[in-house]
Amino acid sequence: MSVSRARTPSRSVLAATIGAWVVVGAPTSAFANVITDWDDKAIVAVTPLSSLGGTSPYMAQRMMAMVHAAMFDAVNSVERRYRPYLVQLPADPGTSKEAAAAAAAAAVLSTIDEKTAGEMKTALASYLASVPDSAAKSDGLKLGEAVAAKVLDARKNDGSDAPDAYRPRTTPGVYIPTAITISSMWPNMKPFAIATPSQFRPQPPLSLDSAAWAADYNEIKTYGGQVSAKRTAEQTEIARFWLVGPPVAYHPFVRRLVLAKQMSVVDSARLMALVSVGLTDAIIAVLDAKYHYNFWRPITAIRNGDIDGNPATDRVASWQPIANTPMHPEYPCAHCIQSGSVAAVVTAVLGTEDIPEIVLTSPTAPGVTRRWTSMTAFADEIASARIWAGFHYRFSTRVGTAMGLRVGDYVVKNAMQPLAMSSR
């Protein structure tokens, strides 16, 4: 399933190659709709939030959740088939759903900064230039802007940008690495759909004196190192493929699925909104657990294997993973909870874990192609990738995937339900 050896690009290359993430597969032009079009535009717009000095990939994913919540509520106000995510405003049935969704997305993205606001004004005018001026179009624009304002207002002061007050554990006078942790304030952030950040907090990580800990420690020491005699070439490619973070890691996959299923505008809006909300709440939930347990990463554990009290864990002084370890605690696996949430949402909406073959490339593994025909295979690959990259122990990937499945299932059952279901 892989086609060539992977290399990790620089940040500038990553930013320039975001579009390459979805170049493989069936042509999209025949079935693209306003939701997938503006998901693509939004990915480009939010990229500065997660790279080149931006805040974090999680702030980019938060923005994507707001974009899709606004697009869904806008088109669902016209074609009223589902409970709204937040609001259902009065709208004539003839109102342009395309104008409403595009205006909603552009209005949300315009809040990133002044430069993006100007770009969104131009992008919106260009996108809707082929739509004849009419009451349906102007009503759609007004509707989209009004819905976006409601969504933005609901997320004001949600805690996502609170001061970083993470306290490193140390003793007086002793040096520790000084890099700033990622999103340490998110355990106190207001979720989009789940009840509280700690709703799905798992049990503690493995005891360091256990045989299970030793087994997982030795597995990642052997397979997750920058240099590994046991990891295969394909496993290395998969590890590098999934070095990409949200939203680029997941939105193109779901967009490709929407296109393959030829979903209507309102159904496209719902699926992508459920995925976006689920992903963001999964991140909130996993950061709650990570900062609660503050469990050490493999690079720390393996370089300190002589102090964990377990005779079966040998220290390797110079061990390091494939790439730089993400700057937050290890347990549970964040990519695993995200992929688990996507798998749960897609399976619930489609009624099956089986999907049309989805084929993608990755900006972090040039020349490598991956493909999937089931959501279980998709989530399982990502869990394995984090072990082979040297970032997560196997027990942490299992817990993360299970958490994600629970978060995704909760979101589908409690947000944007079909009206017939919600009236029972």
Protein backbone atom coordinates (compact mmCIF):
# COMPACT_ATOMS: atom_id res chain seq x y z
CA MET A 1 0.00 0.00 0.00
CA SER A 2 3.01 2.32 0.18
CA VAL A 3 4.92 3.34 -2.86
CA SER A 4 8.16 5.06 -1.87
CA ARG A 5 10.43 5.95 1.03
CA ALA A 6 9.16 8.85 3.16
CA ARG A 7 10.96 11.96 4.32
CA THR A 8 9.83 14.58 6.83
CA PRO A 9 9.46 17.99 5.14
CA SER A 10 10.18 21.37 6.69
CA ARG A 11 7.36 23.50 8.03
CA SER A 12 7.44 25.69 4.96
CA VAL A 13 7.11 22.64 2.73
CA LEU A 14 4.28 21.35 4.91
CA ALA A 15 2.35 24.59 4.57
CA ALA A 16 2.87 24.58 0.81
CA THR A 17 1.76 20.98 0.30
CA ILE A 18 -1.48 20.85 2.29
CA GLY A 19 -3.41 20.57 -0.98
CA ALA A 20 -1.47 17.46 -1.95
CA TRP A 21 -3.15 15.55 0.87
CA VAL A 22 -6.14 14.68 -1.33
CA VAL A 23 -4.74 14.54 -4.84
CA VAL A 24 -5.11 10.77 -5.15
CA GLY A 25 -8.43 9.13 -5.99
CA ALA A 26 -11.55 9.79 -8.00
CA PRO A 27 -12.01 13.31 -9.42
CA THR A 28 -13.89 15.56 -7.02
CA SER A 29 -15.22 18.19 -9.41
CA ALA A 30 -18.24 16.17 -10.54
CA PHE A 31 -19.70 15.79 -7.07
CA ALA A 32 -18.15 18.56 -4.96
CA ASN A 33 -20.63 20.76 -3.12
CA VAL A 34 -20.50 23.93 -1.08
CA ILE A 35 -19.65 22.04 2.13
CA THR A 36 -16.64 20.18 0.75
CA ASP A 37 -15.53 23.25 -1.21
CA TRP A 38 -15.45 25.41 1.91
CA ASP A 39 -13.91 22.69 4.02
CA ASP A 40 -11.02 22.79 1.58
CA LYS A 41 -10.83 26.58 1.75
CA ALA A 42 -11.03 26.49 5.54
CA ILE A 43 -8.12 24.05 5.84
CA VAL A 44 -5.92 26.53 3.96
CA ALA A 45 -7.18 29.47 6.02
CA VAL A 46 -6.57 27.85 9.42
CA THR A 47 -3.09 26.52 8.58
CA PRO A 48 -1.32 29.56 10.13
CA LEU A 49 -2.95 28.69 13.47
CA SER A 50 -1.05 25.40 13.62
CA SER A 51 2.26 26.14 11.93
CA LEU A 52 4.89 28.79 11.40
CA GLY A 53 4.51 30.29 14.86
CA GLY A 54 0.78 29.72 15.22
CA THR A 55 -0.87 28.76 18.49
CA SER A 56 -1.46 25.03 18.02
CA PRO A 57 -3.09 22.53 15.66
CA TYR A 58 -5.88 22.28 18.20
CA MET A 59 -6.88 25.92 17.74
CA ALA A 60 -7.06 25.20 14.02
CA GLN A 61 -9.39 22.26 14.69
CA ARG A 62 -11.54 24.43 16.97
CA MET A 63 -11.95 26.89 14.11
CA MET A 64 -12.96 24.04 11.78
CA ALA A 65 -15.63 22.93 14.26
CA MET A 66 -17.09 26.44 14.29
CA VAL A 67 -17.00 26.63 10.48
CA HIS A 68 -18.87 23.36 10.09
CA ALA A 69 -21.35 24.04 12.89
CA ALA A 70 -22.22 27.34 11.21
CA MET A 71 -22.52 25.81 7.74
CA PHE A 72 -24.74 23.02 9.06
CA ASP A 73 -27.08 25.32 10.98
CA ALA A 74 -27.30 27.62 7.96
CA VAL A 75 -28.32 24.95 5.43
CA ASN A 76 -30.45 23.14 8.03
CA SER A 77 -32.38 26.36 8.57
CA VAL A 78 -33.40 26.11 4.91
CA GLU A 79 -33.88 22.35 4.66
CA ARG A 80 -35.10 21.45 8.13
CA ARG A 81 -34.31 17.76 8.47
CA TYR A 82 -32.23 17.72 11.64
CA ARG A 83 -32.07 19.27 15.06
CA PRO A 84 -29.83 22.34 14.82
CA TYR A 85 -26.40 22.25 16.39
CA LEU A 86 -27.06 25.62 17.98
CA VAL A 87 -29.71 27.66 16.18
CA GLN A 88 -32.38 27.36 13.48
CA LEU A 89 -33.25 30.76 12.04
CA PRO A 90 -36.30 31.60 9.93
CA ALA A 91 -35.61 30.99 6.25
CA ASP A 92 -37.67 30.69 3.10
CA PRO A 93 -37.41 27.20 1.56
CA GLY A 94 -36.14 28.80 -1.63
CA THR A 95 -33.16 30.43 0.09
CA SER A 96 -29.87 29.50 -1.53
CA LYS A 97 -28.17 26.88 0.61
CA GLU A 98 -24.94 27.50 -1.28
CA ALA A 99 -24.95 31.19 -0.41
CA ALA A 100 -25.92 30.46 3.19
CA ALA A 101 -23.19 27.89 3.79
CA ALA A 102 -20.47 29.85 2.02
CA ALA A 103 -21.35 33.04 3.88
CA ALA A 104 -21.39 31.19 7.20
CA ALA A 105 -17.95 29.67 6.61
CA ALA A 106 -16.46 32.93 5.37
CA ALA A 107 -17.82 34.86 8.35
CA VAL A 108 -16.31 32.44 10.85
CA LEU A 109 -12.94 32.32 9.09
CA SER A 110 -12.85 36.11 8.86
CA THR A 111 -12.33 36.26 12.61
CA ILE A 112 -8.86 34.67 12.37
CA ASP A 113 -7.18 37.99 11.57
CA GLU A 114 -7.49 41.06 9.36
CA LYS A 115 -5.57 39.50 6.46
CA THR A 116 -7.81 36.42 6.45
CA ALA A 117 -10.90 38.62 6.64
CA GLY A 118 -9.89 40.32 3.39
CA GLU A 119 -9.14 36.98 1.75
CA MET A 120 -12.51 35.58 2.79
CA LYS A 121 -14.38 38.58 1.38
CA THR A 122 -12.68 38.01 -1.97
CA ALA A 123 -13.13 34.22 -1.82
CA LEU A 124 -16.83 34.51 -1.05
CA ALA A 125 -17.47 36.95 -3.90
CA SER A 126 -15.55 34.74 -6.31
CA TYR A 127 -17.26 31.56 -5.17
CA LEU A 128 -20.75 32.97 -5.58
CA ALA A 129 -20.07 34.95 -8.77
CA SER A 130 -21.75 32.25 -10.87
CA VAL A 131 -24.91 32.36 -8.75
CA PRO A 132 -27.32 34.91 -10.27
CA ASP A 133 -28.21 37.83 -8.04
CA SER A 134 -31.64 37.20 -6.56
CA ALA A 135 -33.59 37.25 -3.34
CA ALA A 136 -32.58 33.62 -2.76
CA LYS A 137 -28.91 34.55 -2.94
CA SER A 138 -29.13 37.69 -0.81
CA ASP A 139 -31.29 35.89 1.75
CA GLY A 140 -28.74 33.10 1.87
CA LEU A 141 -25.91 35.53 2.51
CA LYS A 142 -27.81 37.19 5.33
CA LEU A 143 -28.76 33.82 6.83
CA GLY A 144 -25.20 32.50 6.76
CA GLU A 145 -23.82 35.63 8.38
CA ALA A 146 -26.50 35.58 11.08
CA VAL A 147 -25.87 31.91 11.93
CA ALA A 148 -22.11 32.47 12.01
CA ALA A 149 -22.59 35.34 14.45
CA LYS A 150 -24.56 33.05 16.77
CA VAL A 151 -21.91 30.31 16.63
CA LEU A 152 -19.07 32.77 17.23
CA ASP A 153 -20.89 34.33 20.16
CA ALA A 154 -21.47 30.90 21.73
CA ARG A 155 -17.73 30.18 21.63
CA LYS A 156 -16.60 33.49 23.13
CA ASN A 157 -14.60 32.99 26.29
CA ASP A 158 -14.73 29.20 25.96
CA GLY A 159 -11.33 28.87 27.61
CA SER A 160 -9.44 27.82 24.48
CA ASP A 161 -7.02 30.75 24.71
CA ALA A 162 -6.75 31.06 28.50
CA PRO A 163 -3.26 31.73 29.90
CA ASP A 164 -0.92 28.74 29.88
CA ALA A 165 -0.35 28.02 33.56
CA TYR A 166 1.15 24.55 33.27
CA ARG A 167 3.56 23.99 36.15
CA PRO A 168 6.56 21.82 35.21
CA ARG A 169 7.55 19.30 37.87
CA THR A 170 11.04 20.00 39.13
CA THR A 171 13.09 20.69 42.25
CA PRO A 172 14.79 23.99 43.11
CA GLY A 173 17.76 24.71 40.91
CA VAL A 174 17.38 21.68 38.61
CA TYR A 175 17.18 22.26 34.86
CA ILE A 176 14.35 20.73 32.86
CA PRO A 177 13.52 21.27 29.14
CA THR A 178 11.87 24.64 28.69
CA ALA A 179 9.60 24.20 25.64
CA ILE A 180 6.02 25.42 26.17
CA THR A 181 3.39 22.68 26.41
CA ILE A 182 0.53 22.51 23.90
CA SER A 183 -2.94 23.64 24.99
CA SER A 184 -2.50 22.98 28.71
CA MET A 185 -5.59 25.15 29.32
CA TRP A 186 -7.91 22.96 27.23
CA PRO A 187 -8.86 20.62 30.10
CA ASN A 188 -10.94 23.59 31.30
CA MET A 189 -12.34 24.49 27.89
CA LYS A 190 -16.07 24.48 27.15
CA PRO A 191 -16.79 21.42 24.94
CA PHE A 192 -18.88 21.61 21.78
CA ALA A 193 -21.13 18.60 22.53
CA ILE A 194 -19.89 16.42 25.38
CA ALA A 195 -20.99 17.39 28.89
CA THR A 196 -17.60 18.06 30.52
CA PRO A 197 -13.93 17.66 29.54
CA SER A 198 -13.56 14.84 32.08
CA GLN A 199 -16.69 12.93 30.99
CA PHE A 200 -14.65 10.19 29.32
CA ARG A 201 -11.51 10.33 31.48
CA PRO A 202 -9.99 6.81 31.57
CA GLN A 203 -8.47 4.84 34.40
CA PRO A 204 -4.80 5.58 35.26
CA PRO A 205 -1.98 4.32 33.05
CA LEU A 206 -0.22 1.03 33.74
CA SER A 207 1.72 0.58 36.95
CA LEU A 208 5.46 0.89 36.33
CA ASP A 209 6.23 -2.30 38.24
CA SER A 210 3.89 -4.42 36.09
CA ALA A 211 4.79 -6.95 33.42
CA ALA A 212 2.39 -5.16 31.04
CA TRP A 213 4.37 -1.93 31.42
CA ALA A 214 7.62 -3.72 30.69
CA ALA A 215 6.13 -5.34 27.59
CA ASP A 216 4.86 -2.06 26.15
CA TYR A 217 8.06 -0.24 27.13
CA ASN A 218 10.21 -2.79 25.34
CA GLU A 219 7.95 -2.83 22.29
CA ILE A 220 8.23 0.90 21.69
CA LYS A 221 11.93 0.89 22.58
CA THR A 222 12.46 -1.69 19.83
CA TYR A 223 9.99 -0.52 17.17
CA GLY A 224 9.63 3.21 17.87
CA GLY A 225 13.22 4.40 17.85
CA GLN A 226 14.60 6.74 15.23
CA VAL A 227 16.83 3.82 14.24
CA SER A 228 15.13 0.42 14.52
CA ALA A 229 16.34 -2.96 13.33
CA LYS A 230 12.84 -4.46 13.74
CA ARG A 231 10.54 -1.83 12.21
CA THR A 232 9.83 -2.52 8.54
CA ALA A 233 10.10 0.02 5.75
CA GLU A 234 6.31 0.12 5.43
CA GLN A 235 5.89 0.65 9.18
CA THR A 236 8.32 3.55 8.98
CA GLU A 237 6.33 5.05 6.11
CA ILE A 238 3.08 4.70 8.06
CA ALA A 239 4.65 6.34 11.11
CA ARG A 240 5.77 9.32 9.03
CA PHE A 241 2.47 9.46 7.14
CA TRP A 242 0.65 10.19 10.41
CA LEU A 243 3.03 12.83 11.71
CA VAL A 244 0.53 15.31 10.26
CA GLY A 245 -1.84 16.80 12.84
CA PRO A 246 -5.43 18.02 12.88
CA PRO A 247 -7.33 19.30 11.02
CA VAL A 248 -5.25 18.27 7.98
CA ALA A 249 -5.00 14.70 9.28
CA TYR A 250 -8.75 14.02 9.20
CA HIS A 251 -10.85 16.54 7.30
CA PRO A 252 -9.60 15.56 3.82
CA PHE A 253 -10.42 11.92 4.60
CA VAL A 254 -14.01 12.75 5.50
CA ARG A 255 -14.34 15.17 2.60
CA ARG A 256 -13.26 12.39 0.24
CA LEU A 257 -15.85 10.09 1.83
CA VAL A 258 -18.62 12.67 1.36
CA LEU A 259 -17.71 12.93 -2.30
CA ALA A 260 -17.55 9.16 -2.77
CA LYS A 261 -21.04 8.80 -1.24
CA GLN A 262 -22.36 11.75 -3.31
CA MET A 263 -24.13 13.18 -0.28
CA SER A 264 -26.61 16.04 -0.53
CA VAL A 265 -25.64 19.46 0.79
CA VAL A 266 -27.49 19.09 4.09
CA ASP A 267 -26.23 15.54 4.68
CA SER A 268 -22.69 16.61 3.79
CA ALA A 269 -23.01 19.49 6.23
CA ARG A 270 -24.24 17.20 8.99
CA LEU A 271 -21.56 14.53 8.60
CA MET A 272 -18.73 17.04 8.45
CA ALA A 273 -20.14 19.02 11.38
CA LEU A 274 -20.46 15.86 13.49
CA VAL A 275 -16.89 14.88 12.62
CA SER A 276 -15.55 18.39 13.33
CA VAL A 277 -17.36 18.68 16.64
CA GLY A 278 -16.38 15.14 17.60
CA LEU A 279 -12.73 15.76 16.77
CA THR A 280 -12.60 18.95 18.81
CA ASP A 281 -14.32 17.41 21.81
CA ALA A 282 -12.05 14.37 21.53
CA ILE A 283 -9.07 16.71 21.79
CA ILE A 284 -10.56 18.42 24.84
CA ALA A 285 -11.20 15.03 26.45
CA VAL A 286 -7.73 13.67 25.74
CA LEU A 287 -6.01 16.81 27.01
CA ASP A 288 -8.05 16.56 30.20
CA ALA A 289 -6.69 13.04 30.70
CA LYS A 290 -3.16 13.90 29.60
CA TYR A 291 -2.71 16.78 32.00
CA HIS A 292 -4.53 14.94 34.79
CA TYR A 293 -2.18 11.93 34.70
CA ASN A 294 0.96 13.75 33.44
CA PHE A 295 2.46 10.42 32.30
CA TRP A 296 5.94 10.35 30.83
CA ARG A 297 6.68 10.05 27.13
CA PRO A 298 8.78 7.17 25.77
CA ILE A 299 11.82 9.40 25.23
CA THR A 300 11.76 10.26 28.93
CA ALA A 301 10.94 6.76 30.14
CA ILE A 302 13.52 4.97 28.01
CA ARG A 303 16.30 7.38 28.95
CA ASN A 304 15.33 6.75 32.57
CA GLY A 305 14.61 3.03 32.36
CA ASP A 306 16.81 2.39 35.40
CA ILE A 307 14.61 4.36 37.80
CA ASP A 308 11.12 2.96 37.12
CA GLY A 309 11.54 0.11 39.62
CA ASN A 310 11.03 -2.54 36.94
CA PRO A 311 13.98 -4.89 36.32
CA ALA A 312 12.68 -5.73 32.81
CA THR A 313 13.12 -2.19 31.44
CA ASP A 314 16.66 -1.43 30.40
CA ARG A 315 17.80 2.17 29.98
CA VAL A 316 18.97 3.44 26.58
CA ALA A 317 20.78 6.72 27.11
CA SER A 318 20.51 8.09 23.57
CA TRP A 319 17.11 6.72 22.48
CA GLN A 320 14.87 9.05 20.49
CA PRO A 321 11.73 8.66 18.35
CA ILE A 322 11.31 9.22 14.61
CA ALA A 323 10.45 12.93 15.03
CA ASN A 324 10.11 15.50 17.80
CA THR A 325 7.70 14.30 20.49
CA PRO A 326 4.51 16.41 20.76
CA MET A 327 4.68 18.81 23.69
CA HIS A 328 2.07 17.44 26.02
CA PRO A 329 1.93 14.40 28.34
CA GLU A 330 1.72 10.92 26.87
CA TYR A 331 -1.42 9.21 28.18
CA PRO A 332 -3.71 8.62 26.34
CA CYS A 333 -2.84 8.81 22.63
CA ALA A 334 -4.33 11.97 21.07
CA HIS A 335 -4.27 10.81 17.45
CA CYS A 336 -6.00 7.62 18.60
CA ILE A 337 -8.89 9.41 20.28
CA GLN A 338 -9.28 11.63 17.22
CA SER A 339 -9.32 8.74 14.75
CA GLY A 340 -11.62 6.79 17.07
CA SER A 341 -14.09 9.68 17.15
CA VAL A 342 -14.06 9.92 13.35
CA ALA A 343 -14.60 6.16 13.06
CA ALA A 344 -17.54 6.25 15.47
CA VAL A 345 -19.24 9.19 13.74
CA VAL A 346 -18.83 7.78 10.24
CA THR A 347 -19.99 4.31 11.29
CA ALA A 348 -23.05 5.70 13.05
CA VAL A 349 -24.06 7.99 10.19
CA LEU A 350 -23.51 5.42 7.43
CA GLY A 351 -24.80 2.48 9.46
CA THR A 352 -21.67 0.44 8.71
CA GLU A 353 -17.93 0.63 9.25
CA ASP A 354 -17.38 -0.34 5.60
CA ILE A 355 -16.64 2.58 3.30
CA PRO A 356 -15.83 3.15 -0.37
CA GLU A 357 -12.08 2.92 -0.82
CA ILE A 358 -10.52 6.18 0.35
CA VAL A 359 -7.04 6.92 -1.00
CA LEU A 360 -4.83 9.68 0.40
CA THR A 361 -1.31 11.00 0.42
CA SER A 362 0.28 12.96 3.27
CA PRO A 363 2.34 16.16 3.42
CA THR A 364 4.61 14.49 5.99
CA ALA A 365 5.38 11.43 3.85
CA PRO A 366 5.93 12.53 0.23
CA GLY A 367 5.43 9.74 -2.28
CA VAL A 368 3.54 7.44 0.11
CA THR A 369 -0.08 6.46 -0.58
CA ARG A 370 -2.45 4.83 1.89
CA ARG A 371 -5.94 3.43 1.33
CA TRP A 372 -8.77 2.09 3.51
CA THR A 373 -12.13 0.36 3.05
CA SER A 374 -13.19 0.22 6.71
CA MET A 375 -13.14 2.64 9.60
CA THR A 376 -11.66 0.00 11.91
CA ALA A 377 -8.68 -0.42 9.59
CA PHE A 378 -8.30 3.37 9.47
CA ALA A 379 -8.25 3.76 13.28
CA ASP A 380 -6.05 0.70 13.79
CA GLU A 381 -3.43 2.01 11.35
CA ILE A 382 -3.22 5.33 13.16
CA ALA A 383 -2.81 3.62 16.54
CA SER A 384 0.04 1.51 15.18
CA ALA A 385 1.61 4.56 13.56
CA ARG A 386 1.99 6.28 16.93
CA ILE A 387 3.82 3.25 18.35
CA TRP A 388 6.12 3.01 15.34
CA ALA A 389 6.81 6.75 15.54
CA GLY A 390 7.98 6.33 19.14
CA PHE A 391 5.30 8.56 20.68
CA HIS A 392 2.87 6.21 22.44
CA TYR A 393 2.82 2.91 24.28
CA ARG A 394 0.41 0.25 23.07
CA PHE A 395 -1.83 0.50 26.15
CA SER A 396 -2.15 4.23 25.53
CA THR A 397 -3.24 3.69 21.94
CA ARG A 398 -5.89 1.18 22.99
CA VAL A 399 -7.28 3.52 25.62
CA GLY A 400 -7.20 6.47 23.22
CA THR A 401 -9.07 4.65 20.46
CA ALA A 402 -11.70 3.41 22.94
CA MET A 403 -12.17 6.95 24.27
CA GLY A 404 -12.58 8.28 20.75
CA LEU A 405 -15.23 5.71 19.91
CA ARG A 406 -17.17 6.73 23.01
CA VAL A 407 -16.85 10.45 22.26
CA GLY A 408 -17.96 10.01 18.64
CA ASP A 409 -20.89 7.83 19.63
CA TYR A 410 -21.99 10.39 22.24
CA VAL A 411 -21.82 13.27 19.75
CA VAL A 412 -23.95 11.45 17.16
CA LYS A 413 -26.55 10.53 19.77
CA ASN A 414 -26.75 14.01 21.28
CA ALA A 415 -26.19 16.51 18.46
CA MET A 416 -27.80 17.22 15.10
CA GLN A 417 -30.10 14.20 15.24
CA PRO A 418 -32.76 13.56 12.58
CA LEU A 419 -35.97 15.31 13.52
CA ALA A 420 -37.93 12.02 13.54
CA MET A 421 -35.44 10.62 16.07
CA SER A 422 -35.36 13.71 18.27
CA SER A 423 -39.17 13.84 18.50
CA ARG A 424 -39.51 10.32 19.93
